[in-house]
Amino acid sequence: MSKTYPWLTMALLLALAVVPAASGQAPATADEAELQVLLDTLRANRKAMVAVNLKLDDEQAARFWPLYDRYQKEISAIGDRILALIEEYEAQFHDLTDEKALQLTRDYLDAEAKRLEVKRTYLDEFARVLPGRTVARFYQIENKMDAVVRYDLAATIPVVEPAK
């Protein structure tokens, strides 16, 4: 078993509490402030988990991290949009109309398409600064952490009730 497995496991466990990034606006309540602190901490830990698992040399790191920061900024903006959709859905869950359900679904699929577009765009950029195997490893690490986040969200977001 790989020496990085325990680190990745720890990252995945840590990511269980992750939700998509909150907006950059100042929090309105204490709960929102706590959420923002949690999200900032988890984002930093996510970056640390990538660093531990990629083991870049100094030259690779100098080229990779600025690119990674740009990538994360774009991915986080999409996460902000998904978080807003989740909040909107939860606020209207009990009185959700067919039209609103379809609109939220369309908006979610648009955000997911944008997330995939960003990942595809950055693939070539990451490949210009890192070897192919390292790029593949990076995407695997990201995908594993994302899968845990999605699992956690799936467990907490209520499913639309059938029409009565």
N, C-alpha and C. Protein backbone atom coordinates (compact mmCIF):
# COMPACT_ATOMS: atom_id res chain seq x y z
N MET A 1 0.84 -1.18 0.00
CA MET A 1 0.00 0.00 0.00
C MET A 1 0.88 1.24 0.00
N SER A 2 0.51 2.25 -0.71
CA SER A 2 1.29 3.47 -0.87
C SER A 2 1.40 4.23 0.45
N LYS A 3 2.53 4.92 0.61
CA LYS A 3 2.72 5.75 1.80
C LYS A 3 1.78 6.95 1.81
N THR A 4 1.27 7.35 0.65
CA THR A 4 0.38 8.51 0.59
C THR A 4 -1.05 8.14 0.93
N TYR A 5 -1.38 6.86 0.98
CA TYR A 5 -2.75 6.45 1.27
C TYR A 5 -3.28 7.03 2.58
N PRO A 6 -2.52 6.96 3.69
CA PRO A 6 -3.05 7.54 4.94
C PRO A 6 -3.30 9.05 4.82
N TRP A 7 -2.46 9.75 4.08
CA TRP A 7 -2.67 11.20 3.91
C TRP A 7 -3.93 11.48 3.11
N LEU A 8 -4.14 10.70 2.07
CA LEU A 8 -5.33 10.90 1.26
C LEU A 8 -6.58 10.54 2.06
N THR A 9 -6.50 9.47 2.84
CA THR A 9 -7.62 9.10 3.69
C THR A 9 -7.94 10.21 4.66
N MET A 10 -6.91 10.80 5.26
CA MET A 10 -7.12 11.89 6.19
C MET A 10 -7.77 13.08 5.47
N ALA A 11 -7.34 13.35 4.26
CA ALA A 11 -7.93 14.45 3.50
C ALA A 11 -9.39 14.18 3.20
N LEU A 12 -9.69 12.95 2.85
CA LEU A 12 -11.07 12.62 2.54
C LEU A 12 -11.95 12.72 3.78
N LEU A 13 -11.45 12.27 4.91
CA LEU A 13 -12.22 12.41 6.14
C LEU A 13 -12.41 13.87 6.50
N LEU A 14 -11.37 14.65 6.33
CA LEU A 14 -11.46 16.08 6.60
C LEU A 14 -12.47 16.74 5.67
N ALA A 15 -12.50 16.29 4.44
CA ALA A 15 -13.39 16.89 3.45
C ALA A 15 -14.85 16.54 3.68
N LEU A 16 -15.15 15.60 4.57
CA LEU A 16 -16.54 15.25 4.82
C LEU A 16 -17.38 16.46 5.21
N ALA A 17 -16.76 17.42 5.85
CA ALA A 17 -17.52 18.59 6.29
C ALA A 17 -17.54 19.70 5.24
N VAL A 18 -16.89 19.48 4.11
CA VAL A 18 -16.77 20.52 3.10
C VAL A 18 -18.09 20.70 2.37
N VAL A 19 -18.41 21.94 2.10
CA VAL A 19 -19.47 22.28 1.16
C VAL A 19 -18.83 23.19 0.14
N PRO A 20 -19.44 23.43 -1.00
CA PRO A 20 -18.83 24.33 -1.96
C PRO A 20 -18.51 25.67 -1.31
N ALA A 21 -17.53 26.35 -1.83
CA ALA A 21 -17.04 27.59 -1.24
C ALA A 21 -18.15 28.62 -1.10
N ALA A 22 -18.17 29.29 0.03
CA ALA A 22 -19.14 30.35 0.26
C ALA A 22 -18.68 31.61 -0.46
N SER A 23 -19.60 32.54 -0.64
CA SER A 23 -19.26 33.75 -1.38
C SER A 23 -18.25 34.59 -0.61
N GLY A 24 -17.62 35.51 -1.28
CA GLY A 24 -16.61 36.36 -0.67
C GLY A 24 -17.19 37.50 0.15
N GLN A 25 -18.51 37.57 0.28
CA GLN A 25 -19.13 38.64 1.04
C GLN A 25 -18.95 38.39 2.53
N ALA A 26 -19.05 39.46 3.31
CA ALA A 26 -18.95 39.34 4.75
C ALA A 26 -20.14 38.54 5.28
N PRO A 27 -19.91 37.62 6.23
CA PRO A 27 -21.00 36.82 6.76
C PRO A 27 -21.99 37.68 7.54
N ALA A 28 -23.27 37.35 7.43
CA ALA A 28 -24.32 38.12 8.08
C ALA A 28 -24.60 37.61 9.49
N THR A 29 -24.32 36.34 9.77
CA THR A 29 -24.62 35.76 11.07
C THR A 29 -23.39 35.05 11.61
N ALA A 30 -23.48 34.70 12.90
CA ALA A 30 -22.39 33.94 13.52
C ALA A 30 -22.23 32.59 12.85
N ASP A 31 -23.35 31.94 12.49
CA ASP A 31 -23.27 30.65 11.81
C ASP A 31 -22.56 30.79 10.47
N GLU A 32 -22.86 31.84 9.73
CA GLU A 32 -22.20 32.07 8.45
C GLU A 32 -20.71 32.35 8.65
N ALA A 33 -20.38 33.07 9.72
CA ALA A 33 -18.97 33.35 10.02
C ALA A 33 -18.23 32.05 10.33
N GLU A 34 -18.86 31.18 11.12
CA GLU A 34 -18.25 29.89 11.43
C GLU A 34 -18.07 29.06 10.17
N LEU A 35 -19.07 29.06 9.30
CA LEU A 35 -18.98 28.33 8.05
C LEU A 35 -17.83 28.86 7.21
N GLN A 36 -17.67 30.18 7.15
CA GLN A 36 -16.60 30.76 6.35
C GLN A 36 -15.23 30.35 6.89
N VAL A 37 -15.07 30.35 8.21
CA VAL A 37 -13.81 29.93 8.81
C VAL A 37 -13.55 28.46 8.48
N LEU A 38 -14.58 27.63 8.58
CA LEU A 38 -14.44 26.22 8.25
C LEU A 38 -14.03 26.04 6.80
N LEU A 39 -14.70 26.75 5.90
CA LEU A 39 -14.38 26.63 4.48
C LEU A 39 -12.96 27.08 4.17
N ASP A 40 -12.54 28.19 4.77
CA ASP A 40 -11.17 28.66 4.56
C ASP A 40 -10.15 27.64 5.05
N THR A 41 -10.43 27.06 6.21
CA THR A 41 -9.53 26.05 6.77
C THR A 41 -9.48 24.81 5.88
N LEU A 42 -10.64 24.39 5.41
CA LEU A 42 -10.68 23.20 4.57
C LEU A 42 -10.01 23.43 3.23
N ARG A 43 -10.16 24.64 2.68
CA ARG A 43 -9.48 24.94 1.42
C ARG A 43 -7.97 24.88 1.61
N ALA A 44 -7.49 25.43 2.70
CA ALA A 44 -6.05 25.40 2.97
C ALA A 44 -5.59 23.96 3.16
N ASN A 45 -6.39 23.16 3.87
CA ASN A 45 -6.03 21.76 4.07
C ASN A 45 -6.08 20.99 2.77
N ARG A 46 -7.00 21.35 1.89
CA ARG A 46 -7.08 20.70 0.59
C ARG A 46 -5.79 20.94 -0.18
N LYS A 47 -5.33 22.17 -0.15
CA LYS A 47 -4.08 22.52 -0.83
C LYS A 47 -2.91 21.75 -0.20
N ALA A 48 -2.92 21.64 1.11
CA ALA A 48 -1.86 20.90 1.79
C ALA A 48 -1.89 19.42 1.40
N MET A 49 -3.08 18.86 1.25
CA MET A 49 -3.19 17.46 0.86
C MET A 49 -2.67 17.25 -0.57
N VAL A 50 -2.94 18.20 -1.44
CA VAL A 50 -2.41 18.11 -2.79
C VAL A 50 -0.88 18.17 -2.72
N ALA A 51 -0.36 19.08 -1.93
CA ALA A 51 1.10 19.23 -1.81
C ALA A 51 1.74 17.94 -1.29
N VAL A 52 1.18 17.37 -0.25
CA VAL A 52 1.74 16.16 0.34
C VAL A 52 1.71 15.00 -0.65
N ASN A 53 0.64 14.91 -1.41
CA ASN A 53 0.49 13.77 -2.30
C ASN A 53 1.18 13.92 -3.65
N LEU A 54 1.48 15.15 -4.06
CA LEU A 54 2.18 15.34 -5.34
C LEU A 54 3.70 15.30 -5.19
N LYS A 55 4.21 15.77 -4.06
CA LYS A 55 5.66 15.76 -3.82
C LYS A 55 6.44 16.39 -4.97
N LEU A 56 6.14 17.65 -5.24
CA LEU A 56 6.80 18.36 -6.34
C LEU A 56 8.18 18.83 -5.93
N ASP A 57 9.10 18.85 -6.88
CA ASP A 57 10.40 19.45 -6.59
C ASP A 57 10.24 20.97 -6.66
N ASP A 58 11.28 21.70 -6.30
CA ASP A 58 11.18 23.16 -6.22
C ASP A 58 10.80 23.79 -7.54
N GLU A 59 11.38 23.31 -8.62
CA GLU A 59 11.09 23.87 -9.94
C GLU A 59 9.63 23.61 -10.34
N GLN A 60 9.17 22.39 -10.13
CA GLN A 60 7.79 22.06 -10.44
C GLN A 60 6.82 22.88 -9.58
N ALA A 61 7.13 22.98 -8.30
CA ALA A 61 6.27 23.73 -7.37
C ALA A 61 6.16 25.19 -7.78
N ALA A 62 7.26 25.77 -8.20
CA ALA A 62 7.25 27.19 -8.60
C ALA A 62 6.33 27.42 -9.79
N ARG A 63 6.21 26.44 -10.66
CA ARG A 63 5.33 26.58 -11.82
C ARG A 63 3.89 26.15 -11.51
N PHE A 64 3.75 25.14 -10.65
CA PHE A 64 2.44 24.56 -10.39
C PHE A 64 1.55 25.42 -9.49
N TRP A 65 2.07 25.91 -8.37
CA TRP A 65 1.21 26.53 -7.36
C TRP A 65 0.49 27.79 -7.83
N PRO A 66 1.12 28.67 -8.59
CA PRO A 66 0.35 29.82 -9.09
C PRO A 66 -0.80 29.37 -10.01
N LEU A 67 -0.54 28.36 -10.81
CA LEU A 67 -1.57 27.81 -11.70
C LEU A 67 -2.68 27.16 -10.88
N TYR A 68 -2.30 26.41 -9.86
CA TYR A 68 -3.27 25.76 -8.98
C TYR A 68 -4.16 26.80 -8.30
N ASP A 69 -3.57 27.89 -7.85
CA ASP A 69 -4.35 28.94 -7.18
C ASP A 69 -5.38 29.54 -8.13
N ARG A 70 -4.98 29.77 -9.39
CA ARG A 70 -5.94 30.27 -10.39
C ARG A 70 -7.05 29.25 -10.62
N TYR A 71 -6.67 28.00 -10.74
CA TYR A 71 -7.63 26.91 -10.93
C TYR A 71 -8.63 26.85 -9.78
N GLN A 72 -8.12 26.89 -8.57
CA GLN A 72 -9.00 26.82 -7.40
C GLN A 72 -9.93 28.03 -7.32
N LYS A 73 -9.45 29.18 -7.73
CA LYS A 73 -10.30 30.37 -7.72
C LYS A 73 -11.49 30.17 -8.66
N GLU A 74 -11.24 29.62 -9.83
CA GLU A 74 -12.33 29.37 -10.79
C GLU A 74 -13.27 28.28 -10.29
N ILE A 75 -12.70 27.21 -9.77
CA ILE A 75 -13.52 26.11 -9.24
C ILE A 75 -14.34 26.59 -8.04
N SER A 76 -13.75 27.42 -7.19
CA SER A 76 -14.48 27.95 -6.03
C SER A 76 -15.64 28.84 -6.45
N ALA A 77 -15.46 29.60 -7.51
CA ALA A 77 -16.56 30.45 -8.00
C ALA A 77 -17.74 29.58 -8.44
N ILE A 78 -17.44 28.46 -9.06
CA ILE A 78 -18.50 27.52 -9.45
C ILE A 78 -19.13 26.91 -8.21
N GLY A 79 -18.30 26.59 -7.24
CA GLY A 79 -18.80 26.08 -5.96
C GLY A 79 -19.72 27.08 -5.28
N ASP A 80 -19.40 28.36 -5.39
CA ASP A 80 -20.26 29.41 -4.83
C ASP A 80 -21.64 29.34 -5.46
N ARG A 81 -21.66 29.15 -6.78
CA ARG A 81 -22.93 29.08 -7.50
C ARG A 81 -23.73 27.85 -7.08
N ILE A 82 -23.06 26.73 -6.94
CA ILE A 82 -23.74 25.51 -6.51
C ILE A 82 -24.26 25.65 -5.09
N LEU A 83 -23.48 26.25 -4.22
CA LEU A 83 -23.93 26.49 -2.84
C LEU A 83 -25.18 27.36 -2.84
N ALA A 84 -25.21 28.39 -3.65
CA ALA A 84 -26.39 29.25 -3.73
C ALA A 84 -27.60 28.45 -4.21
N LEU A 85 -27.40 27.57 -5.18
CA LEU A 85 -28.50 26.73 -5.67
C LEU A 85 -29.00 25.79 -4.58
N ILE A 86 -28.08 25.22 -3.82
CA ILE A 86 -28.47 24.33 -2.72
C ILE A 86 -29.27 25.10 -1.68
N GLU A 87 -28.80 26.28 -1.33
CA GLU A 87 -29.51 27.10 -0.35
C GLU A 87 -30.90 27.48 -0.86
N GLU A 88 -30.99 27.84 -2.14
CA GLU A 88 -32.28 28.18 -2.74
C GLU A 88 -33.21 26.97 -2.72
N TYR A 89 -32.69 25.82 -3.07
CA TYR A 89 -33.48 24.59 -3.05
C TYR A 89 -33.98 24.28 -1.65
N GLU A 90 -33.09 24.34 -0.67
CA GLU A 90 -33.48 24.03 0.71
C GLU A 90 -34.52 25.01 1.24
N ALA A 91 -34.42 26.27 0.83
CA ALA A 91 -35.38 27.28 1.27
C ALA A 91 -36.77 27.03 0.67
N GLN A 92 -36.82 26.44 -0.51
CA GLN A 92 -38.10 26.23 -1.20
C GLN A 92 -38.51 24.77 -1.24
N PHE A 93 -37.79 23.92 -0.55
CA PHE A 93 -37.98 22.47 -0.64
C PHE A 93 -39.43 22.04 -0.44
N HIS A 94 -40.08 22.54 0.57
CA HIS A 94 -41.44 22.09 0.90
C HIS A 94 -42.49 22.61 -0.08
N ASP A 95 -42.22 23.73 -0.72
CA ASP A 95 -43.19 24.33 -1.65
C ASP A 95 -42.63 24.40 -3.07
N LEU A 96 -41.80 23.47 -3.44
CA LEU A 96 -41.12 23.50 -4.73
C LEU A 96 -42.11 23.22 -5.87
N THR A 97 -42.19 24.15 -6.80
CA THR A 97 -43.05 23.95 -7.97
C THR A 97 -42.28 23.13 -9.01
N ASP A 98 -43.02 22.58 -9.96
CA ASP A 98 -42.38 21.85 -11.05
C ASP A 98 -41.43 22.76 -11.82
N GLU A 99 -41.88 23.99 -12.08
CA GLU A 99 -41.05 24.93 -12.84
C GLU A 99 -39.77 25.26 -12.09
N LYS A 100 -39.89 25.51 -10.80
CA LYS A 100 -38.70 25.86 -10.01
C LYS A 100 -37.75 24.66 -9.92
N ALA A 101 -38.29 23.46 -9.78
CA ALA A 101 -37.46 22.26 -9.72
C ALA A 101 -36.67 22.10 -11.01
N LEU A 102 -37.32 22.31 -12.14
CA LEU A 102 -36.63 22.21 -13.42
C LEU A 102 -35.58 23.30 -13.58
N GLN A 103 -35.91 24.51 -13.15
CA GLN A 103 -34.93 25.61 -13.26
C GLN A 103 -33.70 25.35 -12.39
N LEU A 104 -33.91 24.90 -11.17
CA LEU A 104 -32.77 24.58 -10.30
C LEU A 104 -31.93 23.45 -10.89
N THR A 105 -32.58 22.47 -11.49
CA THR A 105 -31.86 21.36 -12.11
C THR A 105 -31.05 21.86 -13.30
N ARG A 106 -31.65 22.69 -14.12
CA ARG A 106 -30.91 23.26 -15.27
C ARG A 106 -29.71 24.08 -14.79
N ASP A 107 -29.93 24.91 -13.78
CA ASP A 107 -28.85 25.75 -13.26
C ASP A 107 -27.72 24.89 -12.68
N TYR A 108 -28.09 23.81 -11.99
CA TYR A 108 -27.09 22.91 -11.43
C TYR A 108 -26.28 22.24 -12.55
N LEU A 109 -26.97 21.75 -13.56
CA LEU A 109 -26.27 21.10 -14.68
C LEU A 109 -25.37 22.08 -15.43
N ASP A 110 -25.82 23.33 -15.55
CA ASP A 110 -24.97 24.36 -16.16
C ASP A 110 -23.70 24.57 -15.34
N ALA A 111 -23.84 24.62 -14.01
CA ALA A 111 -22.67 24.80 -13.14
C ALA A 111 -21.73 23.60 -13.26
N GLU A 112 -22.28 22.40 -13.29
CA GLU A 112 -21.44 21.21 -13.42
C GLU A 112 -20.72 21.19 -14.77
N ALA A 113 -21.41 21.62 -15.82
CA ALA A 113 -20.77 21.70 -17.14
C ALA A 113 -19.62 22.70 -17.11
N LYS A 114 -19.82 23.81 -16.42
CA LYS A 114 -18.77 24.83 -16.29
C LYS A 114 -17.58 24.26 -15.50
N ARG A 115 -17.88 23.50 -14.44
CA ARG A 115 -16.80 22.89 -13.64
C ARG A 115 -15.98 21.95 -14.52
N LEU A 116 -16.64 21.14 -15.33
CA LEU A 116 -15.93 20.23 -16.23
C LEU A 116 -15.12 21.00 -17.27
N GLU A 117 -15.68 22.09 -17.76
CA GLU A 117 -14.97 22.92 -18.74
C GLU A 117 -13.69 23.50 -18.13
N VAL A 118 -13.76 23.96 -16.89
CA VAL A 118 -12.57 24.49 -16.21
C VAL A 118 -11.53 23.38 -16.05
N LYS A 119 -11.97 22.21 -15.62
CA LYS A 119 -11.02 21.09 -15.45
C LYS A 119 -10.36 20.73 -16.77
N ARG A 120 -11.13 20.72 -17.85
CA ARG A 120 -10.55 20.40 -19.17
C ARG A 120 -9.57 21.48 -19.61
N THR A 121 -9.93 22.73 -19.40
CA THR A 121 -9.06 23.84 -19.78
C THR A 121 -7.72 23.77 -19.04
N TYR A 122 -7.78 23.51 -17.75
CA TYR A 122 -6.56 23.48 -16.95
C TYR A 122 -5.73 22.23 -17.18
N LEU A 123 -6.32 21.17 -17.70
CA LEU A 123 -5.56 19.96 -17.97
C LEU A 123 -4.35 20.27 -18.84
N ASP A 124 -4.56 20.97 -19.93
CA ASP A 124 -3.44 21.30 -20.81
C ASP A 124 -2.45 22.24 -20.14
N GLU A 125 -2.95 23.16 -19.33
CA GLU A 125 -2.05 24.08 -18.62
C GLU A 125 -1.21 23.33 -17.59
N PHE A 126 -1.83 22.44 -16.83
CA PHE A 126 -1.07 21.65 -15.87
C PHE A 126 -0.05 20.77 -16.59
N ALA A 127 -0.43 20.24 -17.76
CA ALA A 127 0.49 19.38 -18.52
C ALA A 127 1.69 20.15 -19.04
N ARG A 128 1.59 21.45 -19.17
CA ARG A 128 2.74 22.25 -19.60
C ARG A 128 3.76 22.45 -18.47
N VAL A 129 3.33 22.26 -17.22
CA VAL A 129 4.25 22.52 -16.10
C VAL A 129 4.60 21.26 -15.30
N LEU A 130 3.88 20.16 -15.54
CA LEU A 130 4.14 18.92 -14.81
C LEU A 130 4.12 17.73 -15.78
N PRO A 131 4.82 16.65 -15.42
CA PRO A 131 4.74 15.43 -16.24
C PRO A 131 3.31 14.87 -16.23
N GLY A 132 2.97 14.13 -17.28
CA GLY A 132 1.62 13.59 -17.43
C GLY A 132 1.15 12.75 -16.25
N ARG A 133 2.02 11.91 -15.71
CA ARG A 133 1.63 11.07 -14.58
C ARG A 133 1.31 11.91 -13.34
N THR A 134 2.05 12.98 -13.16
CA THR A 134 1.79 13.86 -12.02
C THR A 134 0.47 14.61 -12.20
N VAL A 135 0.20 15.02 -13.42
CA VAL A 135 -1.09 15.69 -13.70
C VAL A 135 -2.23 14.71 -13.44
N ALA A 136 -2.09 13.47 -13.92
CA ALA A 136 -3.12 12.47 -13.68
C ALA A 136 -3.31 12.24 -12.19
N ARG A 137 -2.21 12.16 -11.45
CA ARG A 137 -2.30 11.98 -10.00
C ARG A 137 -3.01 13.15 -9.35
N PHE A 138 -2.70 14.36 -9.78
CA PHE A 138 -3.36 15.56 -9.25
C PHE A 138 -4.88 15.46 -9.45
N TYR A 139 -5.29 15.13 -10.67
CA TYR A 139 -6.73 15.02 -10.95
C TYR A 139 -7.37 13.89 -10.15
N GLN A 140 -6.65 12.80 -9.94
CA GLN A 140 -7.19 11.72 -9.12
C GLN A 140 -7.39 12.17 -7.68
N ILE A 141 -6.42 12.89 -7.14
CA ILE A 141 -6.54 13.39 -5.77
C ILE A 141 -7.72 14.35 -5.66
N GLU A 142 -7.82 15.28 -6.60
CA GLU A 142 -8.95 16.21 -6.62
C GLU A 142 -10.27 15.46 -6.71
N ASN A 143 -10.35 14.48 -7.59
CA ASN A 143 -11.59 13.74 -7.78
C ASN A 143 -11.98 12.94 -6.55
N LYS A 144 -11.00 12.39 -5.86
CA LYS A 144 -11.31 11.65 -4.64
C LYS A 144 -11.85 12.59 -3.56
N MET A 145 -11.23 13.74 -3.41
CA MET A 145 -11.74 14.69 -2.41
C MET A 145 -13.13 15.19 -2.81
N ASP A 146 -13.33 15.46 -4.09
CA ASP A 146 -14.65 15.90 -4.57
C ASP A 146 -15.71 14.83 -4.34
N ALA A 147 -15.34 13.56 -4.52
CA ALA A 147 -16.30 12.47 -4.33
C ALA A 147 -16.79 12.41 -2.89
N VAL A 148 -15.90 12.65 -1.95
CA VAL A 148 -16.30 12.65 -0.55
C VAL A 148 -17.23 13.82 -0.27
N VAL A 149 -16.92 14.97 -0.83
CA VAL A 149 -17.79 16.14 -0.65
C VAL A 149 -19.17 15.85 -1.23
N ARG A 150 -19.20 15.29 -2.42
CA ARG A 150 -20.48 14.97 -3.06
C ARG A 150 -21.26 13.95 -2.24
N TYR A 151 -20.58 12.98 -1.69
CA TYR A 151 -21.23 11.98 -0.85
C TYR A 151 -21.87 12.66 0.36
N ASP A 152 -21.12 13.53 0.99
CA ASP A 152 -21.63 14.23 2.16
C ASP A 152 -22.84 15.09 1.79
N LEU A 153 -22.76 15.80 0.68
CA LEU A 153 -23.90 16.61 0.23
C LEU A 153 -25.10 15.73 -0.08
N ALA A 154 -24.87 14.61 -0.75
CA ALA A 154 -25.97 13.70 -1.09
C ALA A 154 -26.65 13.18 0.17
N ALA A 155 -25.89 12.99 1.22
CA ALA A 155 -26.45 12.48 2.47
C ALA A 155 -27.26 13.54 3.22
N THR A 156 -27.00 14.81 2.94
CA THR A 156 -27.66 15.86 3.72
C THR A 156 -28.72 16.64 2.96
N ILE A 157 -28.69 16.61 1.64
CA ILE A 157 -29.68 17.36 0.85
C ILE A 157 -30.90 16.47 0.64
N PRO A 158 -32.07 16.94 1.04
CA PRO A 158 -33.27 16.11 0.87
C PRO A 158 -33.64 15.94 -0.60
N VAL A 159 -34.17 14.77 -0.91
CA VAL A 159 -34.61 14.45 -2.28
C VAL A 159 -36.00 15.05 -2.47
N VAL A 160 -36.25 15.52 -3.69
CA VAL A 160 -37.55 16.10 -4.01
C VAL A 160 -38.64 15.06 -3.75
N GLU A 161 -39.68 15.48 -3.05
CA GLU A 161 -40.82 14.61 -2.77
C GLU A 161 -41.67 14.46 -4.02
N PRO A 162 -42.28 13.29 -4.22
CA PRO A 162 -43.19 13.15 -5.35
C PRO A 162 -44.40 14.08 -5.18
N ALA A 163 -45.01 14.42 -6.29
CA ALA A 163 -46.20 15.29 -6.24
C ALA A 163 -47.30 14.59 -5.45
N LYS A 164 -48.03 15.41 -4.69
CA LYS A 164 -49.13 14.84 -3.86
C LYS A 164 -50.43 14.89 -4.59
